[in-house]
C-alpha atoms as a PDB file:
ATOM      1  CA  MET A   1      80.838  97.094 133.636  1.00  0.00           C
ATOM      2  CA  ASN A   2      83.113  98.473 130.645  1.00  0.00           C
ATOM      3  CA  ASP A   3      86.343  98.327 132.586  1.00  0.00           C
ATOM      4  CA  TYR A   4      85.661  94.508 133.384  1.00  0.00           C
ATOM      5  CA  MET A   5      84.798  93.983 129.439  1.00  0.00           C
ATOM      6  CA  THR A   6      88.010  95.671 128.502  1.00  0.00           C
ATOM      7  CA  ALA A   7      90.083  93.466 131.045  1.00  0.00           C
ATOM      8  CA  LEU A   8      88.246  90.293 129.400  1.00  0.00           C
ATOM      9  CA  PHE A   9      89.075  91.604 125.882  1.00  0.00           C
ATOM     10  CA  ASP A  10      92.805  92.270 126.723  1.00  0.00           C
ATOM     11  CA  ARG A  11      93.031  89.077 128.420  1.00  0.00           C
ATOM     12  CA  PHE A  12      91.456  86.908 125.601  1.00  0.00           C
ATOM     13  CA  CYS A  13      91.860  88.772 122.464  1.00  0.00           C
ATOM     14  CA  GLY A  14      94.866  91.042 123.104  1.00  0.00           C
ATOM     15  CA  CYS A  15      95.888  92.530 119.766  1.00  0.00           C
ATOM     16  CA  PRO A  16      99.171  92.020 118.604  1.00  0.00           C
ATOM     17  CA  GLY A  17      99.491  95.498 116.932  1.00  0.00           C
ATOM     18  CA  ILE A  18     100.599  96.182 113.536  1.00  0.00           C
ATOM     19  CA  ASP A  19     102.357  93.696 111.540  1.00  0.00           C
ATOM     20  CA  GLU A  20     106.131  94.147 110.333  1.00  0.00           C
ATOM     21  CA  THR A  21     105.154  94.425 106.590  1.00  0.00           C
ATOM     22  CA  ALA A  22     102.741  97.423 107.398  1.00  0.00           C
ATOM     23  CA  GLU A  23     105.242  98.977 109.947  1.00  0.00           C
ATOM     24  CA  ALA A  24     108.010  98.566 107.076  1.00  0.00           C
ATOM     25  CA  LEU A  25     105.757 100.356 104.468  1.00  0.00           C
ATOM     26  CA  ARG A  26     104.938 102.868 106.932  1.00  0.00           C
ATOM     27  CA  ARG A  27     108.547 103.687 107.863  1.00  0.00           C
ATOM     28  CA  LYS A  28     109.490 103.752 104.158  1.00  0.00           C
ATOM     29  CA  LEU A  29     106.649 106.352 103.350  1.00  0.00           C
ATOM     30  CA  SER A  30     107.493 108.407 106.607  1.00  0.00           C
ATOM     31  CA  GLY A  31     111.172 108.675 105.058  1.00  0.00           C
ATOM     32  CA  GLN A  32     109.855 110.125 101.977  1.00  0.00           C
ATOM     33  CA  LEU A  33     107.492 112.904 103.421  1.00  0.00           C
ATOM     34  CA  GLY A  34     108.108 116.254 104.919  1.00  0.00           C
ATOM     35  CA  LYS A  35     107.579 116.772 108.799  1.00  0.00           C
ATOM     36  CA  GLU A  36     103.954 117.836 108.425  1.00  0.00           C
ATOM     37  CA  GLN A  37     102.940 115.151 106.222  1.00  0.00           C
ATOM     38  CA  ARG A  38     104.724 112.712 108.451  1.00  0.00           C
ATOM     39  CA  ARG A  39     102.540 114.149 111.540  1.00  0.00           C
ATOM     40  CA  GLN A  40      99.318 113.541 109.196  1.00  0.00           C
ATOM     41  CA  LEU A  41     100.341 109.934 108.589  1.00  0.00           C
ATOM     42  CA  LEU A  42     100.981 109.413 112.337  1.00  0.00           C
ATOM     43  CA  ARG A  43      97.426 111.113 113.006  1.00  0.00           C
ATOM     44  CA  LEU A  44      96.005 108.940 110.184  1.00  0.00           C
ATOM     45  CA  THR A  45      97.497 105.585 111.637  1.00  0.00           C
ATOM     46  CA  ASP A  46      96.440 106.625 115.194  1.00  0.00           C
ATOM     47  CA  GLN A  47      92.840 106.941 113.871  1.00  0.00           C
ATOM     48  CA  GLN A  48      92.976 103.813 112.018  1.00  0.00           C
ATOM     49  CA  ASN A  49      94.097 101.574 115.272  1.00  0.00           C
ATOM     50  CA  ALA A  50      91.627 103.403 117.352  1.00  0.00           C
ATOM     51  CA  TYR A  51      88.795 102.677 114.902  1.00  0.00           C
ATOM     52  CA  CYS A  52      90.165  98.827 114.467  1.00  0.00           C
ATOM     53  CA  GLU A  53      90.385  98.424 118.564  1.00  0.00           C
ATOM     54  CA  GLN A  54      86.673 100.029 118.929  1.00  0.00           C
ATOM     55  CA  ALA A  55      85.513  97.535 116.272  1.00  0.00           C
ATOM     56  CA  ALA A  56      87.284  94.591 118.006  1.00  0.00           C
ATOM     57  CA  MET A  57      86.094  95.374 121.156  1.00  0.00           C
ATOM     58  CA  GLY A  58      82.400  95.612 119.983  1.00  0.00           C
ATOM     59  CA  ALA A  59      82.831  92.521 118.296  1.00  0.00           C
ATOM     60  CA  PHE A  60      83.772  90.950 121.511  1.00  0.00           C
ATOM     61  CA  VAL A  61      81.187  92.385 123.636  1.00  0.00           C
ATOM     62  CA  SER A  62      78.635  91.302 121.034  1.00  0.00           C
ATOM     63  CA  GLY A  63      79.986  87.697 121.262  1.00  0.00           C
ATOM     64  CA  PHE A  64      80.448  87.755 124.889  1.00  0.00           C
ATOM     65  CA  ARG A  65      76.294  89.013 125.533  1.00  0.00           C
ATOM     66  CA  LEU A  66      75.590  86.205 122.643  1.00  0.00           C
ATOM     67  CA  ALA A  67      77.538  83.542 124.748  1.00  0.00           C
ATOM     68  CA  MET A  68      75.833  84.550 127.885  1.00  0.00           C
ATOM     69  CA  GLU A  69      72.456  84.648 126.317  1.00  0.00           C
ATOM     70  CA  ILE A  70      72.947  80.965 125.187  1.00  0.00           C
ATOM     71  CA  ALA A  71      74.212  80.135 128.574  1.00  0.00           C
ATOM     72  CA  ARG A  72      71.190  81.524 130.171  1.00  0.00           C
ATOM     73  CA  GLU A  73      68.836  79.770 127.792  1.00  0.00           C
ATOM     74  CA  LEU A  74      70.455  76.232 128.437  1.00  0.00           C
ATOM     75  CA  LYS A  75      69.917  76.881 132.197  1.00  0.00           C
ATOM     76  CA  GLU A  76      66.577  77.732 131.685  1.00  0.00           C
ATOM     77  CA  ASN A  77      65.878  74.554 129.626  1.00  0.00           C
ATOM     78  CA  ARG A  78      67.854  72.301 131.775  1.00  0.00           C
ATOM     79  CA  ASP A  79      65.901  73.755 134.993  1.00  0.00           C
ATOM     80  CA  SER A  80      62.582  73.093 133.265  1.00  0.00           C
ATOM     81  CA  LEU A  81      63.435  69.447 132.719  1.00  0.00           C
END
């Protein structure tokens, strides 16, 4: 089920990735940091991206479930007429 939802999410809600302004700021900051600090910045960025992906996927799944429930109720109401 999770693979199916992931495929639907990728098809309809594919995340565009980091925007140009944020990437420019990250590059500027990265150029001012030492090697270990750059690694920490990269780990922080990766964690933020993972969190955003999980939150977006959760919202998508919730919306999908809501849509399925609404469709089920509409079908039941139509069938009962």
